[in-house]
Protein backbone atom coordinates (compact mmCIF):
# COMPACT_ATOMS: atom_id res chain seq x y z
CA MET A 1 22.29 -14.98 2.71
CA ASP A 2 23.16 -13.80 6.21
CA GLN A 3 23.42 -10.21 4.96
CA SER A 4 19.99 -10.48 3.36
CA LEU A 5 18.46 -11.64 6.64
CA VAL A 6 19.87 -8.76 8.70
CA ASP A 7 18.91 -6.08 6.16
CA ASP A 8 15.18 -5.28 6.41
CA ALA A 9 14.90 -4.11 2.79
CA ARG A 10 16.60 -7.23 1.42
CA ALA A 11 14.86 -9.54 3.89
CA SER A 12 11.45 -8.44 2.59
CA ASP A 13 12.50 -9.76 -0.84
CA LEU A 14 13.02 -13.17 0.79
CA THR A 15 9.36 -14.09 1.03
CA TRP A 16 8.47 -17.27 2.89
CA LYS A 17 8.03 -19.10 -0.42
CA VAL A 18 11.49 -17.99 -1.54
CA ARG A 19 12.93 -19.20 1.78
CA VAL A 20 11.43 -22.66 1.37
CA ARG A 21 12.85 -22.82 -2.17
CA ILE A 22 16.27 -21.76 -0.88
CA ALA A 23 16.17 -24.44 1.81
CA ALA A 24 15.26 -27.10 -0.74
CA ALA A 25 18.02 -26.02 -3.14
CA VAL A 26 20.69 -26.01 -0.41
CA ALA A 27 19.49 -29.43 0.72
CA ARG A 28 19.98 -30.70 -2.86
CA ALA A 29 23.57 -29.47 -2.85
CA ILE A 30 24.34 -31.05 0.54
CA ASN A 31 22.65 -34.31 -0.46
CA TYR A 32 24.78 -34.43 -3.62
CA LEU A 33 27.94 -34.14 -1.51
CA HIS A 34 26.75 -36.91 0.78
CA CYS A 35 25.37 -39.29 -1.83
CA HIS A 36 27.31 -38.83 -5.08
CA ASP A 37 29.42 -41.80 -3.95
CA GLU A 38 27.76 -43.96 -1.30
CA LYS A 39 31.05 -45.55 -0.25
CA SER A 40 32.96 -42.27 -0.03
CA PRO A 41 30.76 -39.30 0.98
CA THR A 42 32.00 -35.71 1.10
CA PHE A 43 30.98 -33.27 3.85
CA HIS A 44 31.02 -29.49 3.59
CA ARG A 45 31.65 -29.15 7.35
CA ASP A 46 30.71 -25.45 7.55
CA ILE A 47 27.05 -25.12 6.57
CA LYS A 48 25.77 -21.68 7.60
CA SER A 49 23.90 -18.72 6.12
CA ALA A 50 27.14 -16.83 5.47
CA ASN A 51 28.24 -19.65 3.13
CA ILE A 52 25.06 -19.51 1.06
CA VAL A 53 25.26 -16.97 -1.76
CA LEU A 54 22.07 -15.87 -3.53
CA PHE A 55 22.34 -15.31 -7.26
CA HIS A 56 19.77 -13.99 -9.76
CA GLY A 57 16.29 -15.16 -8.92
CA PHE A 58 17.45 -16.04 -5.38
CA VAL A 59 19.18 -19.17 -6.63
CA PRO A 60 21.45 -20.31 -3.75
CA LYS A 61 25.00 -21.61 -4.13
CA LEU A 62 27.15 -23.20 -1.42
CA ILE A 63 30.57 -21.54 -1.11
CA ASP A 64 33.66 -21.69 1.10
CA CYS A 65 34.38 -25.39 0.81
CA GLY A 66 37.80 -24.99 2.41
CA LEU A 67 36.84 -27.27 5.28
CA SER A 68 35.26 -29.95 3.10
CA LYS A 69 36.41 -33.46 3.84
CA PHE A 70 36.47 -36.54 1.60
CA ILE A 71 35.61 -39.51 3.86
CA PRO A 72 37.14 -42.71 2.43
CA ASP A 73 35.60 -46.14 2.71
CA PRO A 74 36.33 -47.52 6.23
CA ALA A 75 36.56 -51.06 4.82
CA THR A 76 39.67 -50.17 2.84
CA THR A 77 41.13 -47.49 5.10
CA HIS A 78 40.51 -48.87 8.61
CA HIS A 79 44.11 -48.11 9.55
CA LEU A 80 43.48 -44.36 9.25
CA GLY A 81 41.08 -44.22 12.22
CA SER A 82 38.56 -41.36 12.64
CA ILE A 83 38.66 -38.27 10.44
CA MET A 84 39.41 -35.17 12.52
CA SER A 85 41.55 -32.08 12.34
CA THR A 86 45.29 -32.54 12.52
CA LYS A 87 45.33 -30.60 15.79
CA GLY A 88 42.57 -32.68 17.37
CA MET A 89 40.12 -29.75 17.29
CA ALA A 90 36.63 -29.48 15.83
CA LEU A 91 36.48 -27.43 12.65
CA GLY A 92 33.53 -25.22 11.74
CA THR A 93 31.66 -22.15 12.99
CA PRO A 94 30.60 -21.93 16.65
CA GLY A 95 26.85 -22.12 17.00
CA TYR A 96 26.47 -24.21 13.85
CA MET A 97 28.59 -27.19 14.92
CA CYS A 98 26.92 -30.32 16.28
CA PRO A 99 27.58 -30.71 20.06
CA THR A 100 28.31 -34.41 19.60
CA TYR A 101 30.92 -33.62 16.95
CA ILE A 102 32.55 -31.03 19.22
CA ARG A 103 32.75 -33.60 22.00
CA LYS A 104 33.83 -36.71 20.04
CA LEU A 105 35.50 -35.06 17.01
CA GLN A 106 33.77 -37.53 14.70
CA TYR A 107 31.97 -35.91 11.77
CA ASP A 108 29.18 -37.62 9.82
CA ALA A 109 25.92 -36.87 8.01
CA LYS A 110 24.10 -36.14 11.28
CA SER A 111 26.69 -33.48 12.07
CA GLU A 112 25.98 -31.74 8.75
CA ILE A 113 22.21 -32.09 9.21
CA TYR A 114 22.51 -30.32 12.58
CA SER A 115 24.15 -27.30 10.91
CA PHE A 116 21.44 -27.27 8.26
CA GLY A 117 18.79 -27.32 11.02
CA ILE A 118 20.25 -24.07 12.40
CA VAL A 119 19.93 -22.54 8.92
CA LEU A 120 16.25 -23.58 8.87
CA LEU A 121 15.73 -21.77 12.20
CA GLU A 122 17.32 -18.66 10.68
CA LEU A 123 15.04 -18.79 7.65
CA LEU A 124 11.97 -19.18 9.86
CA THR A 125 12.77 -16.42 12.37
CA GLY A 126 14.88 -14.04 10.27
CA ARG A 127 17.48 -14.05 13.06
CA LEU A 128 21.08 -15.24 12.83
CA MET A 129 22.67 -17.77 15.13
CA SER A 130 24.81 -16.06 17.75
CA SER A 131 28.36 -17.31 18.31
CA ARG A 132 28.65 -15.49 21.65
CA ARG A 133 28.28 -17.70 24.69
CA ASP A 134 26.61 -14.96 26.77
CA ASP A 135 23.76 -14.61 24.25
CA GLN A 136 20.72 -16.86 24.21
CA ASP A 137 21.04 -18.34 20.72
CA LEU A 138 18.37 -19.83 18.49
CA TYR A 139 19.10 -23.38 19.61
CA ASP A 140 18.74 -22.56 23.31
CA GLU A 141 15.55 -20.56 22.79
CA TYR A 142 13.63 -22.82 20.43
CA ILE A 143 15.13 -26.29 20.90
CA GLU A 144 16.36 -26.46 24.47
CA ASP A 145 13.50 -24.34 25.89
CA MET A 146 10.97 -25.75 23.37
CA THR A 147 9.61 -22.26 22.60
CA PRO A 148 7.12 -22.40 19.68
CA ILE A 149 8.44 -20.63 16.59
CA GLY A 150 4.97 -19.70 15.24
CA PRO A 151 4.66 -16.37 17.13
CA ASP A 152 8.25 -15.44 16.12
CA LEU A 153 8.01 -16.16 12.39
CA ASP A 154 9.80 -13.45 10.41
CA ALA A 155 7.05 -10.97 9.45
CA ARG A 156 9.29 -9.49 6.75
CA ALA A 157 8.74 -12.69 4.75
CA GLY A 158 5.02 -11.85 4.37
CA PRO A 159 2.02 -13.79 5.70
CA TRP A 160 3.28 -17.35 6.16
CA SER A 161 1.20 -20.39 5.34
CA VAL A 162 0.47 -21.69 8.82
CA GLU A 163 0.64 -25.35 7.79
CA CYS A 164 3.84 -24.87 5.78
CA ALA A 165 5.51 -23.02 8.67
CA GLN A 166 4.51 -25.75 11.11
CA ARG A 167 5.89 -28.49 8.87
CA LEU A 168 9.12 -26.57 8.30
CA GLU A 169 9.49 -26.01 12.06
CA ALA A 170 8.93 -29.72 12.71
CA LEU A 171 11.65 -30.57 10.18
CA ALA A 172 14.06 -28.11 11.83
CA ARG A 173 13.42 -29.72 15.22
CA GLU A 174 14.11 -33.18 13.78
CA CYS A 175 17.39 -31.91 12.31
CA LEU A 176 18.38 -30.50 15.73
CA ALA A 177 17.19 -33.43 17.85
CA PRO A 178 19.67 -35.28 20.09
CA TYR A 179 22.17 -37.27 18.08
CA LYS A 180 20.58 -40.71 18.56
CA THR A 181 17.08 -39.59 17.49
CA ARG A 182 18.16 -37.06 14.85
CA VAL A 183 17.21 -37.68 11.24
CA SER A 184 20.16 -39.54 9.78
CA SER A 185 19.93 -38.95 6.02
CA MET A 186 20.08 -35.69 4.08
CA LEU A 187 18.02 -37.40 1.40
CA THR A 188 15.14 -37.66 3.90
CA VAL A 189 15.44 -33.93 4.65
CA LEU A 190 15.54 -33.13 0.94
CA ARG A 191 12.41 -35.15 0.18
CA ARG A 192 10.49 -33.35 2.93
CA LEU A 193 11.55 -29.94 1.61
CA VAL A 194 10.76 -30.81 -2.01
CA GLU A 195 7.27 -31.85 -0.90
CA LEU A 196 6.82 -28.49 0.89
CA GLU A 197 8.11 -26.66 -2.17
CA LYS A 198 5.70 -28.42 -4.53
CA THR A 199 2.71 -28.09 -2.18
CA TYR A 200 3.03 -24.48 -1.05
CA CYS A 201 5.59 -22.68 -3.19
CA ALA A 202 4.75 -23.28 -6.85
CA ALA A 203 5.92 -20.30 -8.90
CA THR A 204 3.22 -17.92 -10.17
CA PRO A 205 3.09 -17.02 -13.89
CA GLU A 206 4.48 -13.57 -13.03
CA GLU A 207 7.39 -15.09 -11.09
CA ILE A 208 8.14 -17.43 -13.98
CA ARG A 209 8.09 -14.52 -16.43
CA MET A 210 10.39 -12.38 -14.26
CA THR A 211 12.78 -15.31 -13.78
CA GLN A 212 12.95 -15.80 -17.55
CA LEU A 213 13.65 -12.08 -18.05
CA VAL A 214 16.48 -12.18 -15.50
CA GLU A 215 17.94 -15.30 -17.11
CA ASP A 216 17.75 -13.70 -20.56
CA LEU A 217 19.53 -10.59 -19.26
CA GLN A 218 22.22 -12.70 -17.62
CA ARG A 219 22.75 -14.63 -20.85
CA GLN A 220 23.17 -11.32 -22.70
CA VAL A 221 25.77 -10.16 -20.19
CA ASP A 222 27.58 -13.50 -20.37
CA ALA A 223 27.56 -13.36 -24.17
CA LEU A 224 29.06 -9.88 -24.11
CA ARG A 225 31.79 -10.96 -21.72
CA CYS A 226 32.53 -14.23 -23.47
CA SER A 227 32.75 -12.76 -26.96
CA PRO A 228 36.08 -13.33 -28.73
CA LYS A 229 38.72 -10.98 -27.41
CA GLN A 230 40.32 -8.51 -29.72
CA PRO A 231 44.01 -8.99 -30.38
CA ALA A 232 46.17 -7.25 -27.85
CA GLY A 233 46.71 -3.69 -28.98
CA ILE A 234 49.48 -1.22 -28.39
CA LEU A 235 49.93 0.43 -25.05
CA ARG A 236 47.71 3.46 -24.60
CA MET A 237 47.75 6.18 -21.97
CA CYS A 238 44.84 6.22 -19.54
CA ASN A 239 43.07 9.59 -19.29
CA ILE A 240 42.57 9.06 -15.55
CA CYS A 241 45.83 7.70 -14.08
CA PHE A 242 48.05 8.48 -17.11
CA ASP A 243 49.63 5.02 -16.95
CA GLN A 244 50.24 2.95 -20.05
CA SER A 245 47.93 -0.06 -20.55
CA ALA A 246 46.72 -2.31 -23.35
CA ASN A 247 43.44 -3.29 -21.66
CA GLY A 248 40.66 -0.88 -20.87
CA LEU A 249 37.75 1.12 -22.17
CA GLY A 250 37.64 3.10 -25.41
CA CYS A 251 34.77 5.21 -26.72
CA SER A 252 32.89 4.62 -29.96
CA ALA A 253 34.82 7.42 -31.71
CA GLY A 254 37.71 5.00 -32.08
CA ASP A 255 40.36 7.55 -31.10
CA VAL A 256 43.27 5.79 -29.37
CA LEU A 257 43.68 8.80 -27.09
CA HIS A 258 40.16 8.43 -25.68
CA PHE A 259 41.09 5.59 -23.35
CA ILE A 260 40.58 4.54 -19.72
CA CYS A 261 42.55 1.60 -18.35
CA ALA A 262 40.77 -1.44 -16.90
CA ASP A 263 41.81 -0.44 -13.37
CA CYS A 264 40.33 3.06 -13.55
CA ALA A 265 37.22 2.30 -15.64
CA PRO A 266 35.05 0.82 -12.81
CA GLN A 267 35.69 3.75 -10.46
CA GLU A 268 35.17 6.33 -13.20
CA VAL A 269 31.91 4.78 -14.42
CA GLN A 270 30.67 4.56 -10.81
CA ARG A 271 31.55 8.25 -10.30
CA ILE A 272 29.61 9.20 -13.43
CA LEU A 273 26.59 7.18 -12.34
CA ASN A 274 26.65 8.81 -8.90
CA GLU A 275 26.74 12.28 -10.49
CA ILE A 276 23.85 11.35 -12.77
CA GLU A 277 21.74 10.36 -9.77
CA ALA A 278 22.73 13.43 -7.73
CA GLU A 279 22.37 16.26 -10.29
CA ALA A 280 19.28 17.04 -12.34
CA THR A 281 21.28 18.52 -15.23
CA GLN A 282 23.45 15.42 -15.48
CA LEU A 283 20.36 13.23 -15.35
CA ALA A 284 18.72 15.19 -18.19
CA ARG A 285 21.88 14.89 -20.25
CA HIS A 286 22.09 11.17 -19.52
CA ARG A 287 18.50 10.72 -20.67
CA ALA A 288 19.21 12.66 -23.86
CA GLN A 289 22.07 10.23 -24.58
CA GLY A 290 19.73 7.27 -24.31
CA GLY A 291 21.18 6.10 -21.02
CA ARG A 292 24.69 5.64 -22.43
CA ILE A 293 27.91 6.73 -20.68
CA GLN A 294 29.64 9.57 -22.55
CA CYS A 295 33.37 9.59 -23.19
CA VAL A 296 35.30 11.27 -20.36
CA VAL A 297 37.50 13.25 -22.76
CA PRO A 298 36.23 16.89 -22.86
CA GLY A 299 34.57 17.80 -26.14
CA CYS A 300 33.96 14.20 -27.22
CA ASP A 301 30.27 13.33 -27.70
CA ALA A 302 30.89 9.61 -28.35
CA VAL A 303 29.67 6.98 -25.89
CA TYR A 304 31.00 3.67 -24.56
CA SER A 305 29.41 0.55 -26.02
CA GLU A 306 27.68 -1.96 -23.76
CA GLN A 307 30.07 -4.69 -24.93
CA ALA A 308 33.10 -2.62 -23.92
CA LEU A 309 31.56 -1.77 -20.53
CA ALA A 310 30.63 -5.40 -19.85
CA LYS A 311 34.24 -6.50 -20.36
CA VAL A 312 35.79 -4.12 -17.84
CA LEU A 313 33.09 -3.53 -15.22
CA PRO A 314 32.36 -5.84 -12.28
CA ASP A 315 28.84 -7.23 -11.96
CA ALA A 316 27.67 -4.69 -9.37
CA ILE A 317 28.69 -1.60 -11.38
CA PHE A 318 27.49 -3.03 -14.68
CA GLY A 319 24.17 -3.83 -13.00
CA HIS A 320 24.05 -0.22 -11.74
CA TYR A 321 24.65 0.98 -15.31
CA ARG A 322 21.87 -1.21 -16.69
CA ALA A 323 19.51 -0.04 -13.95
CA ALA A 324 20.22 3.57 -14.94
CA GLN A 325 19.45 2.64 -18.55
CA ASP A 326 16.16 1.07 -17.49
CA ALA A 327 15.31 4.30 -15.65
CA VAL A 328 15.89 6.24 -18.88
CA VAL A 329 13.55 3.92 -20.78
CA GLU A 330 10.94 4.29 -18.06
CA GLN A 331 11.30 8.09 -18.20
CA ARG A 332 10.85 8.04 -21.98
CA GLN A 333 7.74 5.94 -21.61
CA TYR A 334 6.46 8.31 -18.94
CA THR A 335 7.20 11.36 -21.11
CA TYR A 336 5.54 9.73 -24.13
CA HIS A 337 2.41 8.90 -22.18
CA GLN A 338 2.33 12.38 -20.62
CA GLU A 339 2.59 14.04 -24.05
CA ARG A 340 -0.06 11.73 -25.43
CA PHE A 341 -2.29 12.51 -22.46
CA GLN A 342 -1.83 16.25 -23.02
CA LEU A 343 -2.76 15.89 -26.71
CA GLU A 344 -5.84 13.87 -25.81
CA LEU A 345 -6.73 16.45 -23.16
CA GLU A 346 -6.41 19.34 -25.64
CA ALA A 347 -8.50 17.43 -28.19
CA ALA A 348 -11.16 16.82 -25.55
CA ARG A 349 -11.14 20.49 -24.63
CA ALA A 350 -11.46 21.52 -28.30
CA GLU A 351 -14.30 19.05 -28.81
CA PHE A 352 -16.02 20.39 -25.71
CA LYS A 353 -15.69 23.97 -26.99
CA ARG A 354 -16.89 23.00 -30.46
CA SER A 355 -19.87 21.20 -28.96
CA ASN A 356 -20.72 24.26 -26.87
CA ASP A 357 -20.35 26.57 -29.87
CA LEU A 358 -22.51 24.26 -31.97
CA ALA A 359 -25.13 24.11 -29.24
CA ARG A 360 -25.06 27.86 -28.92
CA THR A 361 -25.40 28.25 -32.72
CA ARG A 362 -28.33 25.86 -32.72
CA GLN A 363 -29.93 27.81 -29.91
CA ASP A 364 -29.40 31.07 -31.83
CA ALA A 365 -30.79 29.52 -35.03
CA ALA A 366 -33.84 28.24 -33.19
CA ALA A 367 -34.44 31.66 -31.64
CA THR A 368 -34.05 33.31 -35.06
CA ALA A 369 -36.45 30.87 -36.67
CA GLU A 370 -39.03 31.52 -33.97
CA PHE A 371 -38.63 35.28 -34.47
CA MET A 372 -39.04 34.97 -38.26
CA ARG A 373 -42.17 32.83 -37.88
CA ARG A 374 -43.70 35.49 -35.71
CA GLN A 375 -42.72 38.25 -38.14
CA PHE A 376 -44.20 36.45 -41.17
CA PRO A 377 -47.08 34.33 -39.90
CA ASN A 378 -48.50 33.87 -43.45
CA ALA A 379 -45.24 32.71 -45.02
CA VAL A 380 -45.14 29.21 -46.48
CA GLN A 381 -42.45 26.89 -47.79
CA CYS A 382 -42.20 24.69 -50.87
CA PRO A 383 -43.67 21.23 -50.37
CA ARG A 384 -41.30 19.87 -53.02
CA CYS A 385 -37.83 21.17 -52.01
CA GLY A 386 -38.53 22.77 -48.62
CA ALA A 387 -37.28 26.22 -49.73
CA GLY A 388 -38.75 29.20 -47.91
CA PRO A 389 -40.04 31.57 -47.14
CA VAL A 390 -42.56 32.06 -49.94
CA ILE A 391 -44.44 35.21 -48.92
CA PRO A 392 -47.78 35.78 -50.66
CA GLU A 393 -48.45 39.39 -51.59
CA ASN A 394 -50.83 40.06 -48.70
CA CYS A 395 -53.37 37.80 -50.23
CA TYR A 396 -54.65 34.41 -49.28
CA ASN A 397 -55.52 33.63 -52.91
CA LEU A 398 -52.13 32.76 -54.37
CA GLN A 399 -53.46 32.80 -57.93
CA THR A 400 -54.91 36.33 -57.72
CA HIS A 401 -51.68 38.27 -58.25
CA HIS A 402 -49.43 35.50 -59.46
CA GLY A 403 -47.85 36.53 -62.78
CA GLU A 404 -49.09 40.15 -62.70
CA SER A 405 -46.86 42.83 -64.14
CA THR A 406 -45.51 45.48 -61.79
CA SER A 407 -45.01 49.18 -62.50
CA GLY A 408 -41.26 48.60 -62.53
CA GLY A 409 -41.45 46.15 -65.37
CA GLY A 410 -41.23 42.98 -63.29
CA ARG A 411 -43.79 40.31 -62.45
CA ILE A 412 -45.26 39.11 -59.18
CA SER A 413 -44.38 35.48 -58.44
CA ASN A 414 -45.83 33.31 -55.68
CA ALA A 415 -43.88 30.28 -56.99
CA CYS A 416 -41.02 28.60 -55.08
CA PRO A 417 -37.91 30.76 -55.64
CA SER A 418 -35.74 27.60 -55.71
CA CYS A 419 -37.52 25.01 -57.87
CA GLN A 420 -40.36 27.22 -59.34
CA PHE A 421 -43.04 24.90 -57.95
CA PHE A 422 -46.48 26.60 -57.82
CA THR A 423 -50.00 25.69 -56.95
CA PRO A 424 -52.85 28.06 -56.02
CA GLU A 425 -54.04 25.58 -53.36
CA ARG A 426 -52.94 27.09 -50.08
CA SER A 427 -53.43 23.78 -48.23
CA VAL A 428 -50.69 22.16 -50.33
CA TRP A 429 -48.07 24.65 -49.12
CA ALA A 430 -46.52 24.00 -45.67
CA ASN A 431 -46.28 26.72 -43.05
CA TRP A 432 -42.76 28.17 -43.00
CA ASP A 433 -40.57 26.74 -40.20
CA GLY A 434 -38.45 29.90 -39.96
CA GLN A 435 -35.33 28.38 -41.59
CA MET A 436 -33.86 30.38 -44.46
CA ARG A 437 -33.39 28.02 -47.40
């Protein structure tokens, strides 16, 4: 956790809510050591940020228990005296060790609570405890000098809840109080932190969903790594170091010659991933392969399976590989949506052009109809079917020439050319609207 606090990019991921949750989880672990057997507690003896490792979802784990001490029941082991180092020296990390413990060499729950109080100061301020005597450390500045922490809250953690920060600061001060007035039970500290966690740091639905996704991914990786091992095969020559090995990475082609030993595989996969990120052509090829790593043997188009990679790659490199795969999926989604957008854009353009052409055609048709009405002001149209124009032979009496024979052998017809409707009553016929029907 110390590395996360000194790195600005990683520290911004440790929001103030995450920090309160981390503090509560570490307190649970310490309380378990102290209370799992009331008569014989166990102390970690080196509580500090560097011994808190953050796993997926910022779940903290206490590590480096090399200094841990089992404290037997004094009633049955009074002859042993006080528990201290064999050399009569205090054990722990300077800056985190309780002054009373350093002076008397007697370690108890209050000694551990003091170290935890320093960790709380680090979470609040984003600064690490200095082990150099010439530096003004967190204890001197905020406990000895009683400087308020509020103005120095780590801004990288986001906007703190004022009330939560004040209550967390008060708890830190109680953990770092003089020995006689210091809070004496880790269970008391834990209860205070759990209350802060429940009141101010309840997980949002999005955080719950992301945590579930991370846990599902971790279970998949664990399942790949814990799958039954294949029987030990014959020795094969590694294509990188040319040594003989039975364990390593083979491509999906199944050729025994396409092999990388377990020692070379992590470095080779990391090299390939670095090239993919650095060169556009390699990135395009990687995307075309669906985010899979291609066999290193020239001319082989086969890829390495995820199960095979998970067995030989350390967590960091396998995580890098999965991140590159996620980038390929994101690129495919981006490309898909871009292509779909372009199709929709072209369709919109075509519809716009068609609409303009249709409007222009309608305008032309209207102009033509107006012209025809002016050219044939006496033309009418059929009241039955709407066909037109019916043009009387220069006569307002439709019956006068209707049916007469012409010199060419035909007959004059003032009837509807479409449905043969006829009436001599001019008022029944409608004036022609100029549309050719």
